[in-house]
Amino acid sequence: MSTIKMFGTSTSNLPWSDRPEGDCSPVWRYSRNPIVGRNPVEGIARIFNSAVVDDEKGGFIGVFRAETVSTLPHLRVGRSANGIDWTFEDRPIDFVDEAGKPWNPYYAYDPRVIKIEDWYYVVWCTEFFGPSIGLAKTRDFQTFIRLENPFIPFNRNGVLFPRKINDHYTILSRASDNGHTPFGDIFLSQSPDLVFWGKHRHVMERGGSGWWQGLKIGGGPAPIETSVGWLMFYHGVCNTCNGYVYSMGGAILDIDHPEMVKYRSKNYLLTPEMPYEETGFVPNVIFPCATLHDNASGKIAIYYGAADSTVALAFTTVDEVVRYIIDHHESVGRDQGNGKG
């Protein structure tokens, strides 16, 4: 039984592995990682940076970033009985507009899937005369209705909160450029209807004493509502003499005003250390995109992309990770302000 409470969709049968003996880290890896390897199905070279949810029938379903042998990224549905062993549909998702007419993106990558009320929403990086944020909804993971793009270019890492806040849909994003983006903070925007977006606020800035997030930061899985605030896992990036390194961090946002940071760990929660994280199509990448959590036990399973090549799993509990974030809190810049600038 956890001391800190979690709310929202709860998954009692989430994949789980106890902390290995001698491991003192706040988040620990699954010993069978990666759970989706290279060349997982015919014609697909890599699946990574993908989103998973409970299918409400005792199994799991997800939207996965898949790249063909010609490297063009697209989104594909996957299914699993245990959240670990996956099968994938033999074709990309076919999006339609609200009139039922085809509306497929030229490319699509880094999806998140968030259930809000009766719909599952898919948010991804789409092509809109440059990289921007795509948005779609589904009830059955068969028909995907594409909605208006929330923002103009250039933008990435769109992540919806799992419920309305102050009667508004709320999304995290990171302004970017047309390339590999050597900058970036996390911002927040709100909408009454998923069409018109405004009330833009700055949430978190890169930097602080943690070298691992000095270049840019971006949202990860949908934040988890807890009794101390929104638990947000995110990625932080640094630039080294051998290229970018992506690590996973953690923060707690105010429950009613999530543009205000309550706590933010100066230490990373995970950084590339294992061979499947350090070596791959893009080396040295840990990129969290999804979580499953069990409200009763406090368990959290984290799905992350490793080295832009595979899907891996990590675990923690809400008590442990929140305590770690609070104990290692560092105030960075204007994070704890109102975000209005």
C-alpha atoms as a PDB file:
ATOM      1  CA  MET A   1       0.000   0.000   0.000  1.00  0.00           C
ATOM      2  CA  SER A   2       1.476   3.310  -1.082  1.00  0.00           C
ATOM      3  CA  THR A   3       1.491   6.426   1.082  1.00  0.00           C
ATOM      4  CA  ILE A   4       1.172   8.788  -1.883  1.00  0.00           C
ATOM      5  CA  LYS A   5      -2.053   8.269  -3.796  1.00  0.00           C
ATOM      6  CA  MET A   6      -2.376   8.026  -7.570  1.00  0.00           C
ATOM      7  CA  PHE A   7      -5.600   8.696  -9.463  1.00  0.00           C
ATOM      8  CA  GLY A   8      -6.917   8.077 -12.952  1.00  0.00           C
ATOM      9  CA  THR A   9      -6.908   4.862 -14.958  1.00  0.00           C
ATOM     10  CA  SER A  10      -5.454   2.061 -12.841  1.00  0.00           C
ATOM     11  CA  THR A  11      -3.917  -1.166 -14.170  1.00  0.00           C
ATOM     12  CA  SER A  12      -3.680  -3.936 -11.585  1.00  0.00           C
ATOM     13  CA  ASN A  13      -2.015  -6.458 -13.923  1.00  0.00           C
ATOM     14  CA  LEU A  14       0.690  -4.158 -15.267  1.00  0.00           C
ATOM     15  CA  PRO A  15       4.018  -5.812 -16.127  1.00  0.00           C
ATOM     16  CA  TRP A  16       6.252  -5.799 -13.078  1.00  0.00           C
ATOM     17  CA  SER A  17       9.660  -6.858 -11.815  1.00  0.00           C
ATOM     18  CA  ASP A  18      10.930  -6.258  -8.299  1.00  0.00           C
ATOM     19  CA  ARG A  19      14.030  -4.146  -7.777  1.00  0.00           C
ATOM     20  CA  PRO A  20      17.195  -6.240  -8.264  1.00  0.00           C
ATOM     21  CA  GLU A  21      19.177  -6.903  -5.116  1.00  0.00           C
ATOM     22  CA  GLY A  22      21.779  -4.208  -4.578  1.00  0.00           C
ATOM     23  CA  ASP A  23      20.130  -1.712  -6.951  1.00  0.00           C
ATOM     24  CA  CYS A  24      19.622   1.600  -5.127  1.00  0.00           C
ATOM     25  CA  SER A  25      18.342   3.674  -8.049  1.00  0.00           C
ATOM     26  CA  PRO A  26      14.830   5.200  -7.905  1.00  0.00           C
ATOM     27  CA  VAL A  27      13.948   3.526 -11.233  1.00  0.00           C
ATOM     28  CA  TRP A  28      15.173   0.084 -12.282  1.00  0.00           C
ATOM     29  CA  ARG A  29      15.272  -1.709 -15.623  1.00  0.00           C
ATOM     30  CA  TYR A  30      13.535  -4.897 -16.665  1.00  0.00           C
ATOM     31  CA  SER A  31      16.052  -7.727 -16.815  1.00  0.00           C
ATOM     32  CA  ARG A  32      14.654  -8.971 -20.158  1.00  0.00           C
ATOM     33  CA  ASN A  33      15.090  -5.647 -21.962  1.00  0.00           C
ATOM     34  CA  PRO A  34      14.570  -4.816 -24.709  1.00  0.00           C
ATOM     35  CA  ILE A  35      11.027  -6.124 -25.008  1.00  0.00           C
ATOM     36  CA  VAL A  36      10.795  -5.172 -28.719  1.00  0.00           C
ATOM     37  CA  GLY A  37      14.032  -5.820 -30.562  1.00  0.00           C
ATOM     38  CA  ARG A  38      15.471  -4.848 -33.934  1.00  0.00           C
ATOM     39  CA  ASN A  39      13.717  -6.013 -37.127  1.00  0.00           C
ATOM     40  CA  PRO A  40      10.611  -7.101 -35.167  1.00  0.00           C
ATOM     41  CA  VAL A  41       8.449  -7.855 -38.230  1.00  0.00           C
ATOM     42  CA  GLU A  42       9.052  -8.126 -41.950  1.00  0.00           C
ATOM     43  CA  GLY A  43       9.885  -4.789 -43.541  1.00  0.00           C
ATOM     44  CA  ILE A  44      10.256  -2.975 -40.208  1.00  0.00           C
ATOM     45  CA  ALA A  45      13.809  -2.182 -39.129  1.00  0.00           C
ATOM     46  CA  ARG A  46      13.022  -0.558 -35.779  1.00  0.00           C
ATOM     47  CA  ILE A  47      10.155   0.030 -33.359  1.00  0.00           C
ATOM     48  CA  PHE A  48      10.836   2.469 -30.512  1.00  0.00           C
ATOM     49  CA  ASN A  49       9.518   5.613 -28.715  1.00  0.00           C
ATOM     50  CA  SER A  50       6.020   4.147 -28.422  1.00  0.00           C
ATOM     51  CA  ALA A  51       2.882   4.466 -26.283  1.00  0.00           C
ATOM     52  CA  VAL A  52       1.028   1.721 -24.378  1.00  0.00           C
ATOM     53  CA  VAL A  53      -2.322   1.668 -22.540  1.00  0.00           C
ATOM     54  CA  ASP A  54      -4.538  -0.872 -20.793  1.00  0.00           C
ATOM     55  CA  ASP A  55      -7.062  -2.251 -23.301  1.00  0.00           C
ATOM     56  CA  GLU A  56      -9.670  -2.658 -20.504  1.00  0.00           C
ATOM     57  CA  LYS A  57     -10.023  -6.374 -21.349  1.00  0.00           C
ATOM     58  CA  GLY A  58      -7.091  -7.629 -19.323  1.00  0.00           C
ATOM     59  CA  GLY A  59      -4.534  -6.997 -22.031  1.00  0.00           C
ATOM     60  CA  PHE A  60      -2.654  -4.085 -23.529  1.00  0.00           C
ATOM     61  CA  ILE A  61      -2.717  -2.093 -26.719  1.00  0.00           C
ATOM     62  CA  GLY A  62      -0.405   0.560 -28.049  1.00  0.00           C
ATOM     63  CA  VAL A  63       0.558   2.910 -30.829  1.00  0.00           C
ATOM     64  CA  PHE A  64       4.142   2.310 -31.881  1.00  0.00           C
ATOM     65  CA  ARG A  65       6.680   4.297 -33.834  1.00  0.00           C
ATOM     66  CA  ALA A  66       7.767   2.033 -36.668  1.00  0.00           C
ATOM     67  CA  GLU A  67      10.395   2.689 -39.311  1.00  0.00           C
ATOM     68  CA  THR A  68      10.574   0.705 -42.514  1.00  0.00           C
ATOM     69  CA  VAL A  69      13.775  -0.496 -44.095  1.00  0.00           C
ATOM     70  CA  SER A  70      13.736   2.832 -45.951  1.00  0.00           C
ATOM     71  CA  THR A  71      13.526   4.585 -42.519  1.00  0.00           C
ATOM     72  CA  LEU A  72      10.232   6.427 -43.155  1.00  0.00           C
ATOM     73  CA  PRO A  73       8.522   6.635 -39.726  1.00  0.00           C
ATOM     74  CA  HIS A  74       4.858   5.808 -39.312  1.00  0.00           C
ATOM     75  CA  LEU A  75       2.487   4.706 -36.536  1.00  0.00           C
ATOM     76  CA  ARG A  76       1.310   1.124 -36.137  1.00  0.00           C
ATOM     77  CA  VAL A  77      -0.996  -0.601 -33.623  1.00  0.00           C
ATOM     78  CA  GLY A  78       0.413  -3.333 -31.382  1.00  0.00           C
ATOM     79  CA  ARG A  79      -1.294  -5.728 -28.965  1.00  0.00           C
ATOM     80  CA  SER A  80      -0.123  -7.772 -26.006  1.00  0.00           C
ATOM     81  CA  ALA A  81      -1.592 -10.058 -23.369  1.00  0.00           C
ATOM     82  CA  ASN A  82       1.039  -9.204 -20.770  1.00  0.00           C
ATOM     83  CA  GLY A  83       2.463  -5.814 -21.801  1.00  0.00           C
ATOM     84  CA  ILE A  84       5.798  -7.431 -22.663  1.00  0.00           C
ATOM     85  CA  ASP A  85       5.354  -9.725 -25.676  1.00  0.00           C
ATOM     86  CA  TRP A  86       3.898  -7.801 -28.625  1.00  0.00           C
ATOM     87  CA  THR A  87       2.353  -8.497 -32.003  1.00  0.00           C
ATOM     88  CA  PHE A  88       1.897  -5.742 -34.556  1.00  0.00           C
ATOM     89  CA  GLU A  89      -0.598  -5.045 -37.282  1.00  0.00           C
ATOM     90  CA  ASP A  90       0.701  -5.575 -40.796  1.00  0.00           C
ATOM     91  CA  ARG A  91       0.012  -2.026 -41.964  1.00  0.00           C
ATOM     92  CA  PRO A  92       0.307   1.555 -40.729  1.00  0.00           C
ATOM     93  CA  ILE A  93      -2.615   3.320 -39.067  1.00  0.00           C
ATOM     94  CA  ASP A  94      -4.966   4.820 -41.643  1.00  0.00           C
ATOM     95  CA  PHE A  95      -6.182   8.155 -40.316  1.00  0.00           C
ATOM     96  CA  VAL A  96      -9.430   9.773 -41.493  1.00  0.00           C
ATOM     97  CA  ASP A  97     -10.834  13.244 -40.939  1.00  0.00           C
ATOM     98  CA  GLU A  98     -14.085  13.895 -39.104  1.00  0.00           C
ATOM     99  CA  ALA A  99     -16.003  13.346 -42.348  1.00  0.00           C
ATOM    100  CA  GLY A 100     -14.408   9.930 -42.777  1.00  0.00           C
ATOM    101  CA  LYS A 101     -12.104  10.925 -45.636  1.00  0.00           C
ATOM    102  CA  PRO A 102      -8.464   9.760 -45.643  1.00  0.00           C
ATOM    103  CA  TRP A 103      -6.028  12.110 -43.915  1.00  0.00           C
ATOM    104  CA  ASN A 104      -2.714  10.367 -43.430  1.00  0.00           C
ATOM    105  CA  PRO A 105       0.443  12.212 -42.374  1.00  0.00           C
ATOM    106  CA  TYR A 106       3.514  12.152 -44.588  1.00  0.00           C
ATOM    107  CA  TYR A 107       5.440  10.921 -41.556  1.00  0.00           C
ATOM    108  CA  ALA A 108       4.583  10.302 -37.911  1.00  0.00           C
ATOM    109  CA  TYR A 109       6.730   9.527 -34.891  1.00  0.00           C
ATOM    110  CA  ASP A 110       7.063   9.566 -31.079  1.00  0.00           C
ATOM    111  CA  PRO A 111       3.367   8.955 -30.231  1.00  0.00           C
ATOM    112  CA  ARG A 112       1.701   9.280 -26.857  1.00  0.00           C
ATOM    113  CA  VAL A 113      -1.731   7.775 -26.124  1.00  0.00           C
ATOM    114  CA  ILE A 114      -3.894   9.340 -23.420  1.00  0.00           C
ATOM    115  CA  LYS A 115      -7.423   8.380 -22.387  1.00  0.00           C
ATOM    116  CA  ILE A 116      -9.663  11.343 -21.538  1.00  0.00           C
ATOM    117  CA  GLU A 117     -13.236  10.446 -20.651  1.00  0.00           C
ATOM    118  CA  ASP A 118     -14.552   8.175 -23.457  1.00  0.00           C
ATOM    119  CA  TRP A 119     -11.811   8.696 -26.039  1.00  0.00           C
ATOM    120  CA  TYR A 120      -8.218   7.658 -26.512  1.00  0.00           C
ATOM    121  CA  TYR A 121      -6.180  10.524 -27.944  1.00  0.00           C
ATOM    122  CA  VAL A 122      -3.024   9.987 -29.956  1.00  0.00           C
ATOM    123  CA  VAL A 123      -0.496  12.817 -30.050  1.00  0.00           C
ATOM    124  CA  TRP A 124       2.570  12.560 -32.266  1.00  0.00           C
ATOM    125  CA  CYS A 125       5.117  14.569 -34.238  1.00  0.00           C
ATOM    126  CA  THR A 126       3.628  15.088 -37.684  1.00  0.00           C
ATOM    127  CA  GLU A 127       4.641  16.780 -40.906  1.00  0.00           C
ATOM    128  CA  PHE A 128       2.893  20.134 -41.315  1.00  0.00           C
ATOM    129  CA  PHE A 129       5.292  22.054 -43.566  1.00  0.00           C
ATOM    130  CA  GLY A 130       7.880  21.104 -40.985  1.00  0.00           C
ATOM    131  CA  PRO A 131       7.658  19.102 -37.778  1.00  0.00           C
ATOM    132  CA  SER A 132       4.658  19.934 -35.636  1.00  0.00           C
ATOM    133  CA  ILE A 133       2.128  18.142 -33.446  1.00  0.00           C
ATOM    134  CA  GLY A 134      -0.576  15.833 -34.783  1.00  0.00           C
ATOM    135  CA  LEU A 135      -3.718  14.887 -32.863  1.00  0.00           C
ATOM    136  CA  ALA A 136      -6.260  12.103 -33.373  1.00  0.00           C
ATOM    137  CA  LYS A 137      -8.849  10.188 -31.371  1.00  0.00           C
ATOM    138  CA  THR A 138     -10.135   6.629 -31.325  1.00  0.00           C
ATOM    139  CA  ARG A 139     -12.422   4.440 -29.255  1.00  0.00           C
ATOM    140  CA  ASP A 140     -11.519   1.061 -30.699  1.00  0.00           C
ATOM    141  CA  PHE A 141      -7.980   1.402 -32.135  1.00  0.00           C
ATOM    142  CA  GLN A 142      -9.435   0.579 -35.518  1.00  0.00           C
ATOM    143  CA  THR A 143     -10.838   3.931 -36.641  1.00  0.00           C
ATOM    144  CA  PHE A 144      -8.519   6.865 -35.940  1.00  0.00           C
ATOM    145  CA  ILE A 145     -10.142  10.264 -36.473  1.00  0.00           C
ATOM    146  CA  ARG A 146      -7.563  12.930 -37.085  1.00  0.00           C
ATOM    147  CA  LEU A 147      -8.255  16.361 -35.569  1.00  0.00           C
ATOM    148  CA  GLU A 148      -6.853  19.770 -36.395  1.00  0.00           C
ATOM    149  CA  ASN A 149      -3.140  20.201 -35.736  1.00  0.00           C
ATOM    150  CA  PRO A 150      -2.798  22.074 -32.429  1.00  0.00           C
ATOM    151  CA  PHE A 151       0.204  24.208 -33.449  1.00  0.00           C
ATOM    152  CA  ILE A 152       2.117  25.538 -36.421  1.00  0.00           C
ATOM    153  CA  PRO A 153       5.724  24.413 -36.993  1.00  0.00           C
ATOM    154  CA  PHE A 154       8.059  23.927 -35.369  1.00  0.00           C
ATOM    155  CA  ASN A 155       7.025  21.846 -32.367  1.00  0.00           C
ATOM    156  CA  ARG A 156       7.527  18.397 -30.877  1.00  0.00           C
ATOM    157  CA  ASN A 157       6.801  16.273 -27.799  1.00  0.00           C
ATOM    158  CA  GLY A 158       3.079  16.902 -27.509  1.00  0.00           C
ATOM    159  CA  VAL A 159       1.666  15.297 -24.353  1.00  0.00           C
ATOM    160  CA  LEU A 160      -1.921  15.664 -23.148  1.00  0.00           C
ATOM    161  CA  PHE A 161      -2.835  15.565 -19.477  1.00  0.00           C
ATOM    162  CA  PRO A 162      -5.244  12.673 -18.731  1.00  0.00           C
ATOM    163  CA  ARG A 163      -8.130  14.930 -17.688  1.00  0.00           C
ATOM    164  CA  LYS A 164      -9.310  18.463 -18.171  1.00  0.00           C
ATOM    165  CA  ILE A 165      -7.750  21.054 -15.865  1.00  0.00           C
ATOM    166  CA  ASN A 166      -9.943  24.022 -14.981  1.00  0.00           C
ATOM    167  CA  ASP A 167     -12.374  22.760 -17.654  1.00  0.00           C
ATOM    168  CA  HIS A 168      -9.707  22.866 -20.379  1.00  0.00           C
ATOM    169  CA  TYR A 169      -7.759  20.235 -22.256  1.00  0.00           C
ATOM    170  CA  THR A 170      -4.106  20.775 -21.440  1.00  0.00           C
ATOM    171  CA  ILE A 171      -1.083  19.852 -23.528  1.00  0.00           C
ATOM    172  CA  LEU A 172       2.665  20.008 -23.017  1.00  0.00           C
ATOM    173  CA  SER A 173       4.947  20.755 -25.943  1.00  0.00           C
ATOM    174  CA  ARG A 174       8.440  21.901 -26.828  1.00  0.00           C
ATOM    175  CA  ALA A 175       9.171  24.520 -29.454  1.00  0.00           C
ATOM    176  CA  SER A 176      11.822  23.248 -31.856  1.00  0.00           C
ATOM    177  CA  ASP A 177      13.324  23.805 -35.283  1.00  0.00           C
ATOM    178  CA  ASN A 178      13.429  21.848 -38.529  1.00  0.00           C
ATOM    179  CA  GLY A 179      16.429  19.759 -37.497  1.00  0.00           C
ATOM    180  CA  HIS A 180      17.860  18.239 -34.351  1.00  0.00           C
ATOM    181  CA  THR A 181      16.976  21.258 -32.201  1.00  0.00           C
ATOM    182  CA  PRO A 182      19.888  22.304 -29.968  1.00  0.00           C
ATOM    183  CA  PHE A 183      17.524  24.116 -27.559  1.00  0.00           C
ATOM    184  CA  GLY A 184      14.136  23.716 -25.928  1.00  0.00           C
ATOM    185  CA  ASP A 185      12.008  24.165 -22.808  1.00  0.00           C
ATOM    186  CA  ILE A 186       8.662  22.617 -21.857  1.00  0.00           C
ATOM    187  CA  PHE A 187       5.563  24.772 -22.422  1.00  0.00           C
ATOM    188  CA  LEU A 188       1.873  24.272 -21.698  1.00  0.00           C
ATOM    189  CA  SER A 189      -1.215  25.270 -23.713  1.00  0.00           C
ATOM    190  CA  GLN A 190      -4.937  24.892 -23.055  1.00  0.00           C
ATOM    191  CA  SER A 191      -8.053  24.482 -25.177  1.00  0.00           C
ATOM    192  CA  PRO A 192     -11.801  24.350 -24.476  1.00  0.00           C
ATOM    193  CA  ASP A 193     -12.487  22.157 -27.524  1.00  0.00           C
ATOM    194  CA  LEU A 194      -9.240  20.628 -28.890  1.00  0.00           C
ATOM    195  CA  VAL A 195      -9.414  23.097 -31.796  1.00  0.00           C
ATOM    196  CA  PHE A 196      -8.441  26.519 -30.450  1.00  0.00           C
ATOM    197  CA  TRP A 197      -5.329  26.546 -28.297  1.00  0.00           C
ATOM    198  CA  GLY A 198      -4.073  29.367 -26.106  1.00  0.00           C
ATOM    199  CA  LYS A 199      -3.256  30.324 -22.521  1.00  0.00           C
ATOM    200  CA  HIS A 200       0.334  29.387 -23.332  1.00  0.00           C
ATOM    201  CA  ARG A 201       2.580  29.072 -20.295  1.00  0.00           C
ATOM    202  CA  HIS A 202       6.221  28.237 -19.709  1.00  0.00           C
ATOM    203  CA  VAL A 203       6.568  25.190 -17.448  1.00  0.00           C
ATOM    204  CA  MET A 204      10.215  24.171 -17.162  1.00  0.00           C
ATOM    205  CA  GLU A 205      13.491  25.366 -18.571  1.00  0.00           C
ATOM    206  CA  ARG A 206      16.572  23.394 -19.484  1.00  0.00           C
ATOM    207  CA  GLY A 207      19.685  23.675 -17.370  1.00  0.00           C
ATOM    208  CA  GLY A 208      20.306  23.771 -13.662  1.00  0.00           C
ATOM    209  CA  SER A 209      23.224  21.975 -12.067  1.00  0.00           C
ATOM    210  CA  GLY A 210      22.306  18.734 -13.830  1.00  0.00           C
ATOM    211  CA  TRP A 211      24.565  18.399 -16.891  1.00  0.00           C
ATOM    212  CA  TRP A 212      22.197  15.826 -18.342  1.00  0.00           C
ATOM    213  CA  GLN A 213      19.466  18.391 -19.151  1.00  0.00           C
ATOM    214  CA  GLY A 214      21.575  21.367 -20.138  1.00  0.00           C
ATOM    215  CA  LEU A 215      20.724  21.410 -23.873  1.00  0.00           C
ATOM    216  CA  LYS A 216      16.962  20.779 -24.011  1.00  0.00           C
ATOM    217  CA  ILE A 217      14.094  19.044 -22.251  1.00  0.00           C
ATOM    218  CA  GLY A 218      10.789  17.604 -23.448  1.00  0.00           C
ATOM    219  CA  GLY A 219       7.679  15.926 -22.118  1.00  0.00           C
ATOM    220  CA  GLY A 220       7.480  12.154 -21.784  1.00  0.00           C
ATOM    221  CA  PRO A 221       4.427  10.070 -20.834  1.00  0.00           C
ATOM    222  CA  ALA A 222       1.142  11.659 -19.810  1.00  0.00           C
ATOM    223  CA  PRO A 223       1.611  13.081 -16.304  1.00  0.00           C
ATOM    224  CA  ILE A 224       0.201  10.936 -13.474  1.00  0.00           C
ATOM    225  CA  GLU A 225      -2.181  12.611 -11.050  1.00  0.00           C
ATOM    226  CA  THR A 226      -1.057  12.078  -7.447  1.00  0.00           C
ATOM    227  CA  SER A 227      -1.926  13.462  -4.023  1.00  0.00           C
ATOM    228  CA  VAL A 228       1.174  15.712  -4.145  1.00  0.00           C
ATOM    229  CA  GLY A 229       0.748  16.977  -7.721  1.00  0.00           C
ATOM    230  CA  TRP A 230       1.250  15.816 -11.298  1.00  0.00           C
ATOM    231  CA  LEU A 231       4.117  13.337 -11.520  1.00  0.00           C
ATOM    232  CA  MET A 232       5.886  14.069 -14.801  1.00  0.00           C
ATOM    233  CA  PHE A 233       8.598  11.938 -16.355  1.00  0.00           C
ATOM    234  CA  TYR A 234      10.479  13.785 -19.088  1.00  0.00           C
ATOM    235  CA  HIS A 235      13.640  13.569 -21.150  1.00  0.00           C
ATOM    236  CA  GLY A 236      16.659  15.795 -20.731  1.00  0.00           C
ATOM    237  CA  VAL A 237      19.409  16.143 -23.308  1.00  0.00           C
ATOM    238  CA  CYS A 238      23.048  17.179 -23.097  1.00  0.00           C
ATOM    239  CA  ASN A 239      25.610  17.677 -25.840  1.00  0.00           C
ATOM    240  CA  THR A 240      28.890  15.801 -25.566  1.00  0.00           C
ATOM    241  CA  CYS A 241      31.967  15.496 -27.764  1.00  0.00           C
ATOM    242  CA  ASN A 242      30.330  12.331 -29.114  1.00  0.00           C
ATOM    243  CA  GLY A 243      26.840  13.751 -29.720  1.00  0.00           C
ATOM    244  CA  TYR A 244      23.570  14.105 -27.815  1.00  0.00           C
ATOM    245  CA  VAL A 245      22.729  12.003 -24.742  1.00  0.00           C
ATOM    246  CA  TYR A 246      19.067  11.552 -23.729  1.00  0.00           C
ATOM    247  CA  SER A 247      18.270  10.763 -20.083  1.00  0.00           C
ATOM    248  CA  MET A 248      15.027  10.514 -18.079  1.00  0.00           C
ATOM    249  CA  GLY A 249      14.150  12.995 -15.346  1.00  0.00           C
ATOM    250  CA  GLY A 250      11.244  13.551 -12.977  1.00  0.00           C
ATOM    251  CA  ALA A 251       9.272  16.517 -11.656  1.00  0.00           C
ATOM    252  CA  ILE A 252       6.097  17.295  -9.701  1.00  0.00           C
ATOM    253  CA  LEU A 253       3.763  19.973 -11.106  1.00  0.00           C
ATOM    254  CA  ASP A 254       1.045  21.827  -9.220  1.00  0.00           C
ATOM    255  CA  ILE A 255      -2.254  19.977  -9.532  1.00  0.00           C
ATOM    256  CA  ASP A 256      -4.415  22.996 -10.446  1.00  0.00           C
ATOM    257  CA  HIS A 257      -1.735  25.129 -12.090  1.00  0.00           C
ATOM    258  CA  PRO A 258       0.636  22.660 -13.790  1.00  0.00           C
ATOM    259  CA  GLU A 259       2.663  25.503 -15.271  1.00  0.00           C
ATOM    260  CA  MET A 260       4.144  25.787 -11.760  1.00  0.00           C
ATOM    261  CA  VAL A 261       6.864  23.303 -10.772  1.00  0.00           C
ATOM    262  CA  LYS A 262       6.716  22.156  -7.161  1.00  0.00           C
ATOM    263  CA  TYR A 263       9.693  19.805  -7.219  1.00  0.00           C
ATOM    264  CA  ARG A 264      12.260  18.841  -9.827  1.00  0.00           C
ATOM    265  CA  SER A 265      15.057  16.341  -9.373  1.00  0.00           C
ATOM    266  CA  LYS A 266      18.505  17.687 -10.202  1.00  0.00           C
ATOM    267  CA  ASN A 267      19.576  14.069 -10.746  1.00  0.00           C
ATOM    268  CA  TYR A 268      18.437  11.951 -13.673  1.00  0.00           C
ATOM    269  CA  LEU A 269      16.286   8.900 -12.956  1.00  0.00           C
ATOM    270  CA  LEU A 270      17.833   6.850 -15.789  1.00  0.00           C
ATOM    271  CA  THR A 271      20.677   7.567 -18.187  1.00  0.00           C
ATOM    272  CA  PRO A 272      22.067   5.348 -20.964  1.00  0.00           C
ATOM    273  CA  GLU A 273      24.224   2.664 -19.378  1.00  0.00           C
ATOM    274  CA  MET A 274      23.130  -0.631 -20.917  1.00  0.00           C
ATOM    275  CA  PRO A 275      24.345  -1.837 -24.327  1.00  0.00           C
ATOM    276  CA  TYR A 276      20.863  -1.534 -25.897  1.00  0.00           C
ATOM    277  CA  GLU A 277      20.712   2.122 -24.718  1.00  0.00           C
ATOM    278  CA  GLU A 278      24.244   3.080 -25.668  1.00  0.00           C
ATOM    279  CA  THR A 279      24.396   1.354 -29.053  1.00  0.00           C
ATOM    280  CA  GLY A 280      21.854   1.587 -31.862  1.00  0.00           C
ATOM    281  CA  PHE A 281      20.597   3.675 -34.757  1.00  0.00           C
ATOM    282  CA  VAL A 282      20.981   6.768 -32.540  1.00  0.00           C
ATOM    283  CA  PRO A 283      23.242   5.886 -29.610  1.00  0.00           C
ATOM    284  CA  ASN A 284      22.836   7.024 -26.003  1.00  0.00           C
ATOM    285  CA  VAL A 285      19.070   7.559 -25.905  1.00  0.00           C
ATOM    286  CA  ILE A 286      16.494   6.881 -23.191  1.00  0.00           C
ATOM    287  CA  PHE A 287      13.170   8.344 -24.354  1.00  0.00           C
ATOM    288  CA  PRO A 288      10.122   7.679 -22.095  1.00  0.00           C
ATOM    289  CA  CYS A 289       6.735   7.732 -23.836  1.00  0.00           C
ATOM    290  CA  ALA A 290       4.233   5.810 -21.678  1.00  0.00           C
ATOM    291  CA  THR A 291       3.449   4.632 -18.176  1.00  0.00           C
ATOM    292  CA  LEU A 292       1.028   2.183 -16.607  1.00  0.00           C
ATOM    293  CA  HIS A 293       0.224   2.529 -12.924  1.00  0.00           C
ATOM    294  CA  ASP A 294      -1.676   0.622 -10.236  1.00  0.00           C
ATOM    295  CA  ASN A 295      -3.378   2.943  -7.773  1.00  0.00           C
ATOM    296  CA  ALA A 296      -3.648   0.335  -5.011  1.00  0.00           C
ATOM    297  CA  SER A 297      -0.045  -0.875  -4.906  1.00  0.00           C
ATOM    298  CA  GLY A 298       1.638   2.292  -6.151  1.00  0.00           C
ATOM    299  CA  LYS A 299       3.500   0.410  -8.891  1.00  0.00           C
ATOM    300  CA  ILE A 300       4.513   2.234 -12.091  1.00  0.00           C
ATOM    301  CA  ALA A 301       5.797   0.648 -15.305  1.00  0.00           C
ATOM    302  CA  ILE A 302       7.599   2.977 -17.726  1.00  0.00           C
ATOM    303  CA  TYR A 303       7.959   2.241 -21.451  1.00  0.00           C
ATOM    304  CA  TYR A 304      10.880   3.936 -23.144  1.00  0.00           C
ATOM    305  CA  GLY A 305      12.667   3.934 -26.447  1.00  0.00           C
ATOM    306  CA  ALA A 306      16.302   2.851 -26.350  1.00  0.00           C
ATOM    307  CA  ALA A 307      18.879   4.159 -28.829  1.00  0.00           C
ATOM    308  CA  ASP A 308      16.123   4.830 -31.406  1.00  0.00           C
ATOM    309  CA  SER A 309      16.148   1.081 -32.022  1.00  0.00           C
ATOM    310  CA  THR A 310      14.116  -0.858 -29.449  1.00  0.00           C
ATOM    311  CA  VAL A 311      11.428  -0.624 -26.752  1.00  0.00           C
ATOM    312  CA  ALA A 312      12.435  -1.197 -23.121  1.00  0.00           C
ATOM    313  CA  LEU A 313      10.735  -1.281 -19.724  1.00  0.00           C
ATOM    314  CA  ALA A 314      11.599   0.206 -16.343  1.00  0.00           C
ATOM    315  CA  PHE A 315       9.835   0.165 -12.991  1.00  0.00           C
ATOM    316  CA  THR A 316       9.361   2.239  -9.869  1.00  0.00           C
ATOM    317  CA  THR A 317       6.769   2.987  -7.208  1.00  0.00           C
ATOM    318  CA  VAL A 318       5.061   6.303  -6.650  1.00  0.00           C
ATOM    319  CA  ASP A 319       6.377   6.527  -3.078  1.00  0.00           C
ATOM    320  CA  GLU A 320       9.975   5.925  -4.116  1.00  0.00           C
ATOM    321  CA  VAL A 321      10.127   8.166  -7.143  1.00  0.00           C
ATOM    322  CA  VAL A 322       8.238  11.079  -5.578  1.00  0.00           C
ATOM    323  CA  ARG A 323      10.408  10.884  -2.460  1.00  0.00           C
ATOM    324  CA  TYR A 324      13.517  10.855  -4.645  1.00  0.00           C
ATOM    325  CA  ILE A 325      12.362  13.889  -6.638  1.00  0.00           C
ATOM    326  CA  ILE A 326      11.556  15.838  -3.466  1.00  0.00           C
ATOM    327  CA  ASP A 327      14.793  14.843  -1.709  1.00  0.00           C
ATOM    328  CA  HIS A 328      16.856  15.934  -4.732  1.00  0.00           C
ATOM    329  CA  HIS A 329      14.813  19.013  -5.633  1.00  0.00           C
ATOM    330  CA  GLU A 330      16.478  21.911  -7.369  1.00  0.00           C
ATOM    331  CA  SER A 331      14.762  25.150  -8.354  1.00  0.00           C
ATOM    332  CA  VAL A 332      15.798  26.099 -11.879  1.00  0.00           C
ATOM    333  CA  GLY A 333      15.279  29.604 -13.271  1.00  0.00           C
ATOM    334  CA  ARG A 334      11.638  30.662 -13.216  1.00  0.00           C
ATOM    335  CA  ASP A 335      10.182  27.128 -13.016  1.00  0.00           C
ATOM    336  CA  GLN A 336       8.179  27.933  -9.901  1.00  0.00           C
ATOM    337  CA  GLY A 337       6.640  31.099 -11.332  1.00  0.00           C
ATOM    338  CA  ASN A 338       3.314  31.496 -13.108  1.00  0.00           C
ATOM    339  CA  GLY A 339       4.781  30.815 -16.561  1.00  0.00           C
ATOM    340  CA  LYS A 340       3.374  33.995 -18.146  1.00  0.00           C
ATOM    341  CA  GLY A 341       6.790  35.477 -18.862  1.00  0.00           C
END
